[in-house]
Structure formats: C-alpha cells, structure tokens
C-alpha cells in the first residue's frame, strides 16, 4: 500500500495557473523549474486600463475554465509567488487531502492579515476574511460559484474571493512568500500569529 501511494505521489501533476499582471520576471519561471509535481500554465493580463484586481479575477476565471475534466483542484498564483524554505511536495499534498476531508473550497498557501482563526488540524487553520493571498488552491466544489459571481469595477480581488465561501483554510507553515511587497509585513504578522495558535494547539490538543 505504501509503495503504491509513493508511486502515485511520484507521478503527481498539480495544475498551476500563474497570472502575470506586470513585467514578467525570470524568477517566476525559475520558481517552478525544479518542481516536476507542478504542470504550469501562464496567463498574461497586462492591460493597465484594468485594475490589478480585475486582471487577477480574469486570470482566475480563465484558470477555472481551463481546468481539465478530472482536475479536482487547481492552483492559482501570481508572478510574485516564491516558495518558502519549508515547502515540500508531501506537505502540500497532505494539506490538500486533509483540507478536502473537511469539505473546504479554498486552501491558501500563505495569507496576509486576518480577523479570526480556528485550528482544524496541526497544519490547517480556518480563517474568515483575509487581506492578501498569493498561492491558493481552488477545489472543484466551488468552480461553479466563482464562475457565476459578478465582479464589478471597484471590487477588491482578495475580498471578493473570500466572500464567496466561508469554507476556507490556510496551511501553516506558509509555503509562499513575497519578500519585497507592501503586503510582506502583513504576511509576517500572520505568520507570527499562526505560530502562536499552532503552539497552543500542540500544547492543549495534541498532548
């Protein structure tokens, strides 16, 4: 059984849709070059007459429309996404599988500031509103709802996505990072806050 599972993980291909909204950076391509578990497609939305939020939304819609018939999950990320040092394939896959058993619709690889958090497992946390996310997993269960959602001119991409469902989790430790960005302090703050919550979880639930 374990041998078969390992073989399945070795052959795993996770569809990733990277949305390019600005000048394309080589590091965006190099970031996935040594990770064969990802099948990366890039969409370019550089029309500056549209807001960043509109371009990200359009890219996400195209990603969902491009998903294969048997794709139960897809990953959407921006060109700024960088993997953290803690990333490894087994951790990501386990989080995806565990989150699915909880009936989740969205799973974030890292987040900006949030309001409320509840630990679900050692590495998965329910969160409500989120100010920022970059690398996130969309489950097929919410494809239709997103496609039917109306996006208007002044909508904020992050707020809009979060408002579609309450069934959303973030994994921790974060596997995505943006080193030079106005959202970086918020991600660092969230990282510290979740570390504290995880420590409490270890102390009172796992013991």
N, C-alpha and C. Protein backbone atom coordinates (compact mmCIF):
# COMPACT_ATOMS: atom_id res chain seq x y z
N UNK A 1 0.84 -1.20 0.00
CA UNK A 1 0.00 0.00 0.00
C UNK A 1 0.86 1.25 0.00
N UNK A 2 1.85 1.31 0.89
CA UNK A 2 2.72 2.47 0.96
C UNK A 2 3.49 2.65 -0.35
N UNK A 3 3.93 1.51 -0.92
CA UNK A 3 4.68 1.58 -2.16
C UNK A 3 3.82 2.17 -3.27
N UNK A 4 2.57 1.73 -3.34
CA UNK A 4 1.66 2.24 -4.36
C UNK A 4 1.39 3.73 -4.14
N UNK A 5 1.24 4.12 -2.89
CA UNK A 5 1.00 5.53 -2.59
C UNK A 5 2.18 6.38 -3.01
N UNK A 6 3.41 5.89 -2.71
CA UNK A 6 4.60 6.64 -3.09
C UNK A 6 4.70 6.78 -4.60
N UNK A 7 4.32 5.73 -5.33
CA UNK A 7 4.37 5.78 -6.78
C UNK A 7 3.38 6.82 -7.30
N UNK A 8 2.20 6.87 -6.68
CA UNK A 8 1.20 7.85 -7.09
C UNK A 8 1.70 9.27 -6.84
N UNK A 9 2.38 9.50 -5.71
CA UNK A 9 2.91 10.82 -5.42
C UNK A 9 4.02 11.19 -6.39
N UNK A 10 4.84 10.21 -6.77
CA UNK A 10 5.91 10.48 -7.73
C UNK A 10 5.35 10.92 -9.08
N UNK A 11 4.21 10.36 -9.44
CA UNK A 11 3.60 10.66 -10.75
C UNK A 11 2.64 11.84 -10.68
N UNK A 12 2.50 12.45 -9.52
CA UNK A 12 1.52 13.50 -9.33
C UNK A 12 1.83 14.73 -10.18
N UNK A 13 0.79 15.31 -10.77
CA UNK A 13 0.94 16.54 -11.54
C UNK A 13 -0.18 17.49 -11.13
N UNK A 14 0.18 18.56 -10.44
CA UNK A 14 -0.80 19.52 -9.95
C UNK A 14 -0.89 20.68 -10.93
N UNK A 15 -2.08 20.94 -11.48
CA UNK A 15 -2.21 22.05 -12.43
C UNK A 15 -2.08 23.41 -11.75
N UNK A 16 -1.16 24.22 -12.23
CA UNK A 16 -0.92 25.56 -11.69
C UNK A 16 -1.16 26.59 -12.79
N UNK A 17 -1.91 27.62 -12.45
CA UNK A 17 -2.15 28.72 -13.38
C UNK A 17 -1.56 29.98 -12.76
N UNK A 18 -0.50 30.46 -13.38
CA UNK A 18 0.21 31.64 -12.87
C UNK A 18 -0.24 32.86 -13.68
N UNK A 19 -0.72 33.86 -12.97
CA UNK A 19 -1.28 35.05 -13.62
C UNK A 19 -0.23 36.15 -13.64
N UNK A 20 0.16 36.56 -14.82
CA UNK A 20 1.18 37.59 -14.99
C UNK A 20 0.48 38.91 -15.26
N UNK A 21 0.60 39.84 -14.32
CA UNK A 21 -0.12 41.12 -14.44
C UNK A 21 0.83 42.29 -14.68
N UNK A 22 2.12 42.03 -14.72
CA UNK A 22 3.09 43.10 -14.89
C UNK A 22 4.25 42.55 -15.71
N UNK A 23 5.36 43.26 -15.71
CA UNK A 23 6.53 42.79 -16.45
C UNK A 23 6.93 41.42 -15.91
N UNK A 24 7.05 40.48 -16.83
CA UNK A 24 7.35 39.10 -16.45
C UNK A 24 8.78 38.99 -15.94
N UNK A 25 8.95 38.31 -14.82
CA UNK A 25 10.26 38.15 -14.22
C UNK A 25 10.73 36.70 -14.39
N UNK A 26 12.00 36.54 -14.68
CA UNK A 26 12.54 35.21 -14.89
C UNK A 26 12.37 34.33 -13.66
N UNK A 27 12.44 34.95 -12.48
CA UNK A 27 12.33 34.14 -11.26
C UNK A 27 10.96 33.49 -11.15
N UNK A 28 9.94 34.09 -11.81
CA UNK A 28 8.61 33.49 -11.79
C UNK A 28 8.63 32.13 -12.48
N UNK A 29 9.46 32.00 -13.51
CA UNK A 29 9.59 30.73 -14.21
C UNK A 29 10.53 29.79 -13.46
N UNK A 30 11.63 30.33 -12.97
CA UNK A 30 12.61 29.51 -12.26
C UNK A 30 12.04 28.93 -10.97
N UNK A 31 11.06 29.60 -10.41
CA UNK A 31 10.47 29.17 -9.15
C UNK A 31 9.87 27.76 -9.23
N UNK A 32 9.42 27.37 -10.42
CA UNK A 32 8.80 26.05 -10.60
C UNK A 32 9.72 25.08 -11.36
N UNK A 33 10.87 25.55 -11.81
CA UNK A 33 11.70 24.75 -12.71
C UNK A 33 12.20 23.45 -12.10
N UNK A 34 12.38 23.43 -10.78
CA UNK A 34 12.89 22.22 -10.12
C UNK A 34 11.80 21.47 -9.37
N UNK A 35 10.53 21.72 -9.75
CA UNK A 35 9.40 21.09 -9.06
C UNK A 35 8.50 20.41 -10.09
N UNK A 36 8.84 19.18 -10.47
CA UNK A 36 8.09 18.47 -11.51
C UNK A 36 6.66 18.10 -11.10
N UNK A 37 6.33 18.28 -9.84
CA UNK A 37 4.97 17.96 -9.40
C UNK A 37 3.95 18.98 -9.90
N UNK A 38 4.43 20.09 -10.49
CA UNK A 38 3.52 21.12 -10.99
C UNK A 38 3.51 21.16 -12.52
N UNK A 39 2.32 21.29 -13.06
CA UNK A 39 2.14 21.50 -14.50
C UNK A 39 1.68 22.95 -14.67
N UNK A 40 2.60 23.84 -15.07
CA UNK A 40 2.37 25.28 -15.01
C UNK A 40 1.91 25.83 -16.36
N UNK A 41 0.82 26.59 -16.30
CA UNK A 41 0.33 27.37 -17.43
C UNK A 41 0.33 28.83 -17.02
N UNK A 42 0.77 29.71 -17.90
CA UNK A 42 0.83 31.13 -17.57
C UNK A 42 -0.12 31.93 -18.44
N UNK A 43 -0.89 32.80 -17.78
CA UNK A 43 -1.80 33.72 -18.46
C UNK A 43 -1.26 35.14 -18.28
N UNK A 44 -1.24 35.89 -19.36
CA UNK A 44 -0.72 37.25 -19.30
C UNK A 44 -1.87 38.25 -19.39
N UNK A 45 -2.00 39.04 -18.33
CA UNK A 45 -3.02 40.09 -18.27
C UNK A 45 -2.32 41.41 -17.90
N UNK A 46 -1.82 42.09 -18.92
CA UNK A 46 -1.02 43.29 -18.68
C UNK A 46 -1.75 44.57 -19.08
N UNK A 47 -3.03 44.47 -19.34
CA UNK A 47 -3.80 45.64 -19.74
C UNK A 47 -3.93 46.60 -18.56
N UNK A 48 -3.14 47.69 -18.59
CA UNK A 48 -3.11 48.62 -17.45
C UNK A 48 -4.37 49.47 -17.36
N UNK A 49 -5.26 49.38 -18.34
CA UNK A 49 -6.53 50.09 -18.22
C UNK A 49 -7.45 49.38 -17.23
N UNK A 50 -7.10 48.14 -16.90
CA UNK A 50 -7.84 47.39 -15.89
C UNK A 50 -7.06 47.42 -14.58
N UNK A 51 -7.77 47.37 -13.47
CA UNK A 51 -7.11 47.33 -12.16
C UNK A 51 -6.42 45.99 -11.96
N UNK A 52 -5.51 45.95 -10.99
CA UNK A 52 -4.86 44.70 -10.64
C UNK A 52 -5.90 43.65 -10.26
N UNK A 53 -6.89 44.06 -9.47
CA UNK A 53 -7.92 43.13 -9.03
C UNK A 53 -8.68 42.55 -10.22
N UNK A 54 -9.01 43.38 -11.19
CA UNK A 54 -9.74 42.91 -12.37
C UNK A 54 -8.90 41.92 -13.16
N UNK A 55 -7.60 42.21 -13.30
CA UNK A 55 -6.73 41.31 -14.06
C UNK A 55 -6.57 39.97 -13.34
N UNK A 56 -6.44 40.00 -12.02
CA UNK A 56 -6.32 38.76 -11.26
C UNK A 56 -7.61 37.95 -11.34
N UNK A 57 -8.75 38.63 -11.26
CA UNK A 57 -10.03 37.94 -11.36
C UNK A 57 -10.20 37.28 -12.73
N UNK A 58 -9.88 38.03 -13.78
CA UNK A 58 -9.99 37.48 -15.14
C UNK A 58 -9.09 36.26 -15.31
N UNK A 59 -7.89 36.35 -14.73
CA UNK A 59 -6.97 35.22 -14.81
C UNK A 59 -7.50 34.00 -14.07
N UNK A 60 -8.08 34.22 -12.89
CA UNK A 60 -8.64 33.12 -12.12
C UNK A 60 -9.81 32.47 -12.87
N UNK A 61 -10.66 33.29 -13.47
CA UNK A 61 -11.78 32.75 -14.25
C UNK A 61 -11.26 31.90 -15.41
N UNK A 62 -10.24 32.39 -16.10
CA UNK A 62 -9.68 31.62 -17.21
C UNK A 62 -9.06 30.32 -16.73
N UNK A 63 -8.45 30.36 -15.55
CA UNK A 63 -7.86 29.15 -14.98
C UNK A 63 -8.93 28.09 -14.73
N UNK A 64 -10.03 28.51 -14.12
CA UNK A 64 -11.12 27.56 -13.84
C UNK A 64 -11.70 27.01 -15.13
N UNK A 65 -11.88 27.87 -16.12
CA UNK A 65 -12.41 27.44 -17.41
C UNK A 65 -11.46 26.50 -18.13
N UNK A 66 -10.17 26.60 -17.82
CA UNK A 66 -9.16 25.76 -18.47
C UNK A 66 -8.92 24.45 -17.74
N UNK A 67 -9.49 24.31 -16.55
CA UNK A 67 -9.27 23.10 -15.75
C UNK A 67 -9.76 21.87 -16.49
N UNK A 68 -8.99 20.80 -16.37
CA UNK A 68 -9.35 19.55 -17.02
C UNK A 68 -10.55 18.90 -16.37
N UNK A 69 -11.16 18.01 -17.11
CA UNK A 69 -12.37 17.33 -16.62
C UNK A 69 -12.12 16.59 -15.32
N UNK A 70 -10.91 16.10 -15.14
CA UNK A 70 -10.61 15.31 -13.95
C UNK A 70 -9.78 16.08 -12.93
N UNK A 71 -9.65 17.38 -13.10
CA UNK A 71 -8.92 18.20 -12.13
C UNK A 71 -9.83 18.55 -10.95
N UNK A 72 -9.62 17.87 -9.84
CA UNK A 72 -10.42 18.15 -8.64
C UNK A 72 -9.95 19.42 -7.94
N UNK A 73 -8.69 19.79 -8.17
CA UNK A 73 -8.15 21.03 -7.62
C UNK A 73 -7.26 21.69 -8.66
N UNK A 74 -7.17 23.01 -8.57
CA UNK A 74 -6.18 23.74 -9.35
C UNK A 74 -5.49 24.74 -8.41
N UNK A 75 -4.30 25.14 -8.78
CA UNK A 75 -3.58 26.16 -8.03
C UNK A 75 -3.55 27.43 -8.87
N UNK A 76 -3.82 28.56 -8.23
CA UNK A 76 -3.70 29.86 -8.87
C UNK A 76 -2.68 30.67 -8.08
N UNK A 77 -1.77 31.32 -8.79
CA UNK A 77 -0.79 32.18 -8.12
C UNK A 77 -0.42 33.33 -9.03
N UNK A 78 0.22 34.34 -8.48
CA UNK A 78 0.66 35.48 -9.27
C UNK A 78 2.14 35.32 -9.61
N UNK A 79 2.67 36.24 -10.38
CA UNK A 79 4.07 36.20 -10.77
C UNK A 79 5.00 36.47 -9.59
N UNK A 80 4.48 37.02 -8.50
CA UNK A 80 5.30 37.37 -7.35
C UNK A 80 5.52 36.19 -6.41
N UNK A 81 4.78 35.11 -6.61
CA UNK A 81 4.89 33.97 -5.70
C UNK A 81 6.29 33.38 -5.68
N UNK A 82 6.79 33.14 -4.49
CA UNK A 82 8.05 32.42 -4.28
C UNK A 82 7.83 31.37 -3.19
N UNK A 83 8.37 30.19 -3.39
CA UNK A 83 8.25 29.15 -2.37
C UNK A 83 9.15 29.47 -1.18
N UNK A 84 8.64 29.19 0.01
CA UNK A 84 9.45 29.35 1.21
C UNK A 84 10.35 28.12 1.38
N UNK A 85 11.25 28.21 2.33
CA UNK A 85 12.19 27.11 2.56
C UNK A 85 11.49 25.86 3.10
N UNK A 86 10.33 26.01 3.69
CA UNK A 86 9.65 24.85 4.29
C UNK A 86 8.87 24.05 3.25
N UNK A 87 8.75 24.57 2.03
CA UNK A 87 7.94 23.86 1.04
C UNK A 87 8.50 22.48 0.72
N UNK A 88 7.63 21.51 0.68
CA UNK A 88 7.94 20.22 0.06
C UNK A 88 6.64 19.60 -0.44
N UNK A 89 6.75 18.76 -1.42
CA UNK A 89 5.58 18.21 -2.10
C UNK A 89 4.68 17.44 -1.15
N UNK A 90 5.26 16.62 -0.30
CA UNK A 90 4.45 15.80 0.60
C UNK A 90 3.59 16.66 1.52
N UNK A 91 4.19 17.76 2.02
CA UNK A 91 3.44 18.65 2.91
C UNK A 91 2.25 19.25 2.17
N UNK A 92 2.48 19.74 0.95
CA UNK A 92 1.40 20.33 0.17
C UNK A 92 0.30 19.32 -0.11
N UNK A 93 0.68 18.15 -0.58
CA UNK A 93 -0.31 17.13 -0.94
C UNK A 93 -1.11 16.69 0.29
N UNK A 94 -0.45 16.50 1.40
CA UNK A 94 -1.15 16.11 2.63
C UNK A 94 -2.14 17.19 3.06
N UNK A 95 -1.74 18.46 2.93
CA UNK A 95 -2.65 19.55 3.28
C UNK A 95 -3.86 19.57 2.36
N UNK A 96 -3.63 19.36 1.07
CA UNK A 96 -4.73 19.34 0.11
C UNK A 96 -5.72 18.22 0.44
N UNK A 97 -5.19 17.05 0.76
CA UNK A 97 -6.04 15.90 1.06
C UNK A 97 -6.78 16.10 2.38
N UNK A 98 -6.08 16.55 3.41
CA UNK A 98 -6.72 16.77 4.71
C UNK A 98 -7.79 17.86 4.63
N UNK A 99 -7.50 18.93 3.89
CA UNK A 99 -8.48 20.00 3.74
C UNK A 99 -9.72 19.50 3.02
N UNK A 100 -9.53 18.63 2.06
CA UNK A 100 -10.67 18.10 1.30
C UNK A 100 -11.60 17.31 2.20
N UNK A 101 -11.05 16.58 3.16
CA UNK A 101 -11.90 15.80 4.08
C UNK A 101 -12.72 16.72 4.98
N UNK A 102 -12.29 17.98 5.09
CA UNK A 102 -13.04 18.96 5.90
C UNK A 102 -14.07 19.71 5.09
N UNK A 103 -14.20 19.35 3.82
CA UNK A 103 -15.19 20.00 2.96
C UNK A 103 -14.82 21.41 2.57
N UNK A 104 -13.52 21.67 2.45
CA UNK A 104 -13.05 23.02 2.15
C UNK A 104 -13.24 23.36 0.67
N UNK A 105 -13.38 24.65 0.38
CA UNK A 105 -13.47 25.13 -1.01
C UNK A 105 -12.21 25.83 -1.46
N UNK A 106 -11.55 26.51 -0.54
CA UNK A 106 -10.32 27.24 -0.84
C UNK A 106 -9.26 26.91 0.21
N UNK A 107 -8.03 26.76 -0.25
CA UNK A 107 -6.91 26.48 0.66
C UNK A 107 -5.77 27.41 0.28
N UNK A 108 -5.32 28.22 1.23
CA UNK A 108 -4.28 29.20 0.97
C UNK A 108 -2.91 28.68 1.40
N UNK A 109 -1.90 29.01 0.58
CA UNK A 109 -0.54 28.61 0.92
C UNK A 109 0.15 29.61 1.81
N UNK A 110 -0.48 30.75 2.02
CA UNK A 110 0.04 31.82 2.87
C UNK A 110 -0.93 32.99 2.79
N UNK A 111 -1.03 33.76 3.85
CA UNK A 111 -2.04 34.82 3.87
C UNK A 111 -1.48 36.09 4.51
N UNK A 112 -2.16 37.21 4.21
CA UNK A 112 -1.90 38.46 4.91
C UNK A 112 -2.70 38.48 6.20
N UNK A 113 -3.00 39.65 6.70
CA UNK A 113 -3.69 39.73 7.99
C UNK A 113 -5.10 39.14 7.91
N UNK A 114 -5.58 38.65 9.03
CA UNK A 114 -6.89 38.02 9.12
C UNK A 114 -7.55 38.46 10.41
N UNK A 115 -8.84 38.17 10.53
CA UNK A 115 -9.58 38.59 11.73
C UNK A 115 -9.69 37.47 12.74
N UNK A 116 -10.21 36.33 12.30
CA UNK A 116 -10.43 35.20 13.21
C UNK A 116 -9.78 33.95 12.65
N UNK A 117 -9.34 33.09 13.55
CA UNK A 117 -8.70 31.84 13.14
C UNK A 117 -9.09 30.73 14.11
N UNK A 118 -9.30 29.53 13.56
CA UNK A 118 -9.62 28.35 14.38
C UNK A 118 -8.79 27.19 13.87
N UNK A 119 -8.00 26.55 14.72
CA UNK A 119 -7.22 25.39 14.26
C UNK A 119 -8.13 24.21 13.92
N UNK A 120 -7.87 23.60 12.78
CA UNK A 120 -8.64 22.43 12.34
C UNK A 120 -7.79 21.17 12.51
N UNK A 121 -6.54 21.26 12.08
CA UNK A 121 -5.55 20.21 12.32
C UNK A 121 -4.26 20.91 12.72
N UNK A 122 -3.22 20.14 12.87
CA UNK A 122 -1.93 20.71 13.27
C UNK A 122 -1.44 21.76 12.27
N UNK A 123 -1.72 21.56 10.98
CA UNK A 123 -1.20 22.45 9.94
C UNK A 123 -2.26 23.16 9.13
N UNK A 124 -3.53 23.02 9.51
CA UNK A 124 -4.61 23.68 8.78
C UNK A 124 -5.44 24.52 9.74
N UNK A 125 -5.76 25.74 9.30
CA UNK A 125 -6.48 26.68 10.14
C UNK A 125 -7.61 27.34 9.35
N UNK A 126 -8.80 27.34 9.95
CA UNK A 126 -9.91 28.06 9.34
C UNK A 126 -9.71 29.55 9.58
N UNK A 127 -9.93 30.34 8.53
CA UNK A 127 -9.81 31.79 8.67
C UNK A 127 -11.03 32.43 7.99
N UNK A 128 -11.35 33.66 8.39
CA UNK A 128 -12.50 34.33 7.80
C UNK A 128 -12.06 35.26 6.68
N UNK A 129 -11.98 36.54 6.95
CA UNK A 129 -11.55 37.48 5.93
C UNK A 129 -10.03 37.56 5.89
N UNK A 130 -9.47 37.71 4.71
CA UNK A 130 -8.03 37.76 4.52
C UNK A 130 -7.70 38.95 3.62
N UNK A 131 -6.68 39.71 3.99
CA UNK A 131 -6.34 40.89 3.20
C UNK A 131 -5.48 40.58 1.99
N UNK A 132 -4.81 39.43 2.02
CA UNK A 132 -3.91 39.12 0.90
C UNK A 132 -3.63 37.62 0.86
N UNK A 133 -3.49 37.09 -0.34
CA UNK A 133 -3.01 35.73 -0.56
C UNK A 133 -2.45 35.67 -1.97
N UNK A 134 -1.55 34.76 -2.19
CA UNK A 134 -0.88 34.73 -3.50
C UNK A 134 -0.96 33.36 -4.16
N UNK A 135 -0.65 32.32 -3.41
CA UNK A 135 -0.68 30.94 -3.92
C UNK A 135 -1.86 30.26 -3.23
N UNK A 136 -2.89 29.89 -4.00
CA UNK A 136 -4.05 29.28 -3.36
C UNK A 136 -4.63 28.17 -4.22
N UNK A 137 -5.24 27.22 -3.54
CA UNK A 137 -5.82 26.03 -4.18
C UNK A 137 -7.33 26.21 -4.23
N UNK A 138 -7.89 26.00 -5.41
CA UNK A 138 -9.33 26.08 -5.60
C UNK A 138 -9.86 24.66 -5.85
N UNK A 139 -10.83 24.25 -5.06
CA UNK A 139 -11.41 22.92 -5.22
C UNK A 139 -12.59 22.98 -6.21
N UNK A 140 -12.78 21.89 -6.91
CA UNK A 140 -13.85 21.84 -7.93
C UNK A 140 -15.21 22.19 -7.33
N UNK A 141 -15.40 21.93 -6.06
CA UNK A 141 -16.69 22.19 -5.41
C UNK A 141 -17.13 23.65 -5.51
N UNK A 142 -16.18 24.56 -5.74
CA UNK A 142 -16.55 25.98 -5.80
C UNK A 142 -16.35 26.58 -7.19
N UNK A 143 -15.94 25.77 -8.15
CA UNK A 143 -15.74 26.28 -9.51
C UNK A 143 -16.98 27.03 -10.00
N UNK A 144 -18.12 26.39 -9.92
CA UNK A 144 -19.36 26.95 -10.47
C UNK A 144 -19.73 28.26 -9.77
N UNK A 145 -19.58 28.31 -8.46
CA UNK A 145 -19.93 29.52 -7.72
C UNK A 145 -19.06 30.70 -8.13
N UNK A 146 -17.78 30.45 -8.35
CA UNK A 146 -16.89 31.52 -8.77
C UNK A 146 -17.24 32.01 -10.17
N UNK A 147 -17.52 31.07 -11.06
CA UNK A 147 -17.85 31.45 -12.44
C UNK A 147 -19.14 32.26 -12.51
N UNK A 148 -20.04 32.02 -11.58
CA UNK A 148 -21.32 32.72 -11.58
C UNK A 148 -21.26 34.06 -10.85
N UNK A 149 -20.18 34.30 -10.13
CA UNK A 149 -20.05 35.54 -9.36
C UNK A 149 -19.79 36.73 -10.28
N UNK A 150 -20.43 37.84 -9.99
CA UNK A 150 -20.24 39.06 -10.77
C UNK A 150 -19.14 39.91 -10.13
N UNK A 151 -18.18 40.31 -10.94
CA UNK A 151 -17.09 41.17 -10.47
C UNK A 151 -17.29 42.56 -11.05
N UNK A 152 -17.41 43.55 -10.17
CA UNK A 152 -17.64 44.92 -10.64
C UNK A 152 -16.36 45.73 -10.48
N UNK A 153 -16.36 46.90 -11.08
CA UNK A 153 -15.15 47.69 -11.26
C UNK A 153 -14.36 47.95 -9.99
N UNK A 154 -15.04 48.28 -8.90
CA UNK A 154 -14.34 48.66 -7.67
C UNK A 154 -14.11 47.50 -6.70
N UNK A 155 -14.44 46.30 -7.10
CA UNK A 155 -14.23 45.15 -6.22
C UNK A 155 -12.74 44.92 -5.97
N UNK A 156 -12.43 44.49 -4.76
CA UNK A 156 -11.06 44.07 -4.42
C UNK A 156 -10.96 42.56 -4.61
N UNK A 157 -9.96 42.12 -5.35
CA UNK A 157 -9.83 40.70 -5.68
C UNK A 157 -9.84 39.81 -4.44
N UNK A 158 -9.04 40.17 -3.45
CA UNK A 158 -8.89 39.31 -2.26
C UNK A 158 -10.18 39.26 -1.45
N UNK A 159 -10.82 40.39 -1.26
CA UNK A 159 -12.07 40.43 -0.51
C UNK A 159 -13.17 39.67 -1.25
N UNK A 160 -13.18 39.83 -2.56
CA UNK A 160 -14.22 39.19 -3.37
C UNK A 160 -14.12 37.67 -3.29
N UNK A 161 -12.91 37.16 -3.46
CA UNK A 161 -12.72 35.70 -3.41
C UNK A 161 -13.12 35.17 -2.03
N UNK A 162 -12.71 35.86 -0.98
CA UNK A 162 -13.02 35.39 0.38
C UNK A 162 -14.51 35.42 0.67
N UNK A 163 -15.23 36.35 0.04
CA UNK A 163 -16.66 36.49 0.33
C UNK A 163 -17.50 35.38 -0.28
N UNK A 164 -16.94 34.63 -1.22
CA UNK A 164 -17.72 33.62 -1.93
C UNK A 164 -18.01 32.41 -1.06
N UNK A 165 -17.11 32.11 -0.13
CA UNK A 165 -17.31 30.92 0.71
C UNK A 165 -16.73 31.14 2.10
N UNK A 166 -17.35 30.51 3.07
CA UNK A 166 -16.79 30.52 4.43
C UNK A 166 -15.92 29.28 4.67
N UNK A 167 -15.97 28.34 3.73
CA UNK A 167 -15.20 27.10 3.86
C UNK A 167 -13.81 27.28 3.27
N UNK A 168 -12.96 27.99 4.00
CA UNK A 168 -11.61 28.24 3.52
C UNK A 168 -10.61 28.06 4.66
N UNK A 169 -9.47 27.49 4.31
CA UNK A 169 -8.42 27.21 5.27
C UNK A 169 -7.10 27.76 4.76
N UNK A 170 -6.19 27.98 5.68
CA UNK A 170 -4.81 28.27 5.30
C UNK A 170 -3.92 27.18 5.89
N UNK A 171 -2.89 26.85 5.15
CA UNK A 171 -1.91 25.91 5.70
C UNK A 171 -0.85 26.70 6.44
N UNK A 172 -0.27 26.06 7.42
CA UNK A 172 0.83 26.66 8.17
C UNK A 172 1.77 25.56 8.61
N UNK A 173 3.07 25.72 8.39
CA UNK A 173 3.79 26.90 7.92
C UNK A 173 3.43 27.29 6.49
N UNK A 174 3.61 28.58 6.19
CA UNK A 174 3.34 29.08 4.84
C UNK A 174 4.34 28.48 3.85
N UNK A 175 3.84 28.18 2.65
CA UNK A 175 4.73 27.69 1.60
C UNK A 175 4.99 28.74 0.54
N UNK A 176 4.37 29.92 0.69
CA UNK A 176 4.57 31.00 -0.27
C UNK A 176 5.02 32.26 0.46
N UNK A 177 5.82 33.04 -0.24
CA UNK A 177 6.36 34.24 0.39
C UNK A 177 6.58 35.31 -0.68
N UNK A 178 6.42 36.56 -0.28
CA UNK A 178 6.71 37.68 -1.16
C UNK A 178 7.67 38.59 -0.41
N UNK A 179 8.96 38.55 -0.73
CA UNK A 179 9.96 39.24 0.07
C UNK A 179 9.91 40.76 -0.02
N UNK A 180 9.56 41.31 -1.16
CA UNK A 180 9.54 42.77 -1.31
C UNK A 180 8.20 43.20 -1.86
N UNK A 181 7.29 43.50 -0.95
CA UNK A 181 5.93 43.84 -1.35
C UNK A 181 5.27 44.54 -0.17
N UNK A 182 4.32 45.41 -0.47
CA UNK A 182 3.65 46.15 0.60
C UNK A 182 2.88 45.22 1.53
N UNK A 183 2.61 43.98 1.06
CA UNK A 183 1.86 43.04 1.90
C UNK A 183 2.79 42.21 2.79
N UNK A 184 4.10 42.32 2.59
CA UNK A 184 5.04 41.50 3.34
C UNK A 184 4.90 41.64 4.85
N UNK A 185 4.79 42.87 5.40
CA UNK A 185 4.61 42.98 6.86
C UNK A 185 3.36 42.27 7.36
N UNK A 186 2.28 42.31 6.56
CA UNK A 186 1.05 41.64 6.97
C UNK A 186 1.24 40.13 6.98
N UNK A 187 2.00 39.59 5.99
CA UNK A 187 2.26 38.16 5.97
C UNK A 187 3.15 37.77 7.14
N UNK A 188 4.11 38.60 7.46
CA UNK A 188 4.98 38.31 8.61
C UNK A 188 4.19 38.31 9.91
N UNK A 189 3.27 39.26 10.05
CA UNK A 189 2.43 39.32 11.24
C UNK A 189 1.54 38.09 11.34
N UNK A 190 0.93 37.69 10.22
CA UNK A 190 0.08 36.50 10.21
C UNK A 190 0.89 35.26 10.55
N UNK A 191 2.10 35.21 10.03
CA UNK A 191 2.98 34.08 10.30
C UNK A 191 3.23 33.94 11.79
N UNK A 192 3.51 35.06 12.45
CA UNK A 192 3.76 35.05 13.89
C UNK A 192 2.50 34.67 14.68
N UNK A 193 1.36 35.20 14.26
CA UNK A 193 0.11 34.90 14.96
C UNK A 193 -0.27 33.44 14.85
N UNK A 194 -0.10 32.87 13.65
CA UNK A 194 -0.44 31.47 13.46
C UNK A 194 0.54 30.56 14.19
N UNK A 195 1.77 31.00 14.31
CA UNK A 195 2.74 30.22 15.08
C UNK A 195 2.28 30.09 16.54
N UNK A 196 1.74 31.16 17.07
CA UNK A 196 1.25 31.14 18.45
C UNK A 196 0.04 30.20 18.58
N UNK A 197 -0.87 30.28 17.61
CA UNK A 197 -2.06 29.42 17.65
C UNK A 197 -1.65 27.96 17.52
N UNK A 198 -0.69 27.69 16.64
CA UNK A 198 -0.22 26.32 16.47
C UNK A 198 0.42 25.80 17.75
N UNK A 199 1.16 26.67 18.43
CA UNK A 199 1.79 26.28 19.69
C UNK A 199 0.74 25.90 20.73
N UNK A 200 -0.34 26.66 20.78
CA UNK A 200 -1.44 26.34 21.70
C UNK A 200 -2.08 25.01 21.32
N UNK A 201 -2.25 24.79 20.01
CA UNK A 201 -2.83 23.54 19.52
C UNK A 201 -1.97 22.35 19.98
N UNK A 202 -0.66 22.48 19.81
CA UNK A 202 0.24 21.42 20.26
C UNK A 202 0.11 21.15 21.76
N UNK A 203 0.00 22.24 22.52
CA UNK A 203 0.02 22.12 23.98
C UNK A 203 -1.26 21.50 24.55
N UNK A 204 -2.40 21.88 23.98
CA UNK A 204 -3.67 21.51 24.61
C UNK A 204 -4.47 20.44 23.85
N UNK A 205 -4.14 20.23 22.59
CA UNK A 205 -4.92 19.28 21.81
C UNK A 205 -4.12 18.03 21.48
N UNK A 206 -2.88 18.21 21.06
CA UNK A 206 -2.09 17.05 20.66
C UNK A 206 -1.56 16.27 21.85
N UNK A 207 -1.38 16.95 22.97
CA UNK A 207 -0.84 16.23 24.14
C UNK A 207 -1.95 15.47 24.88
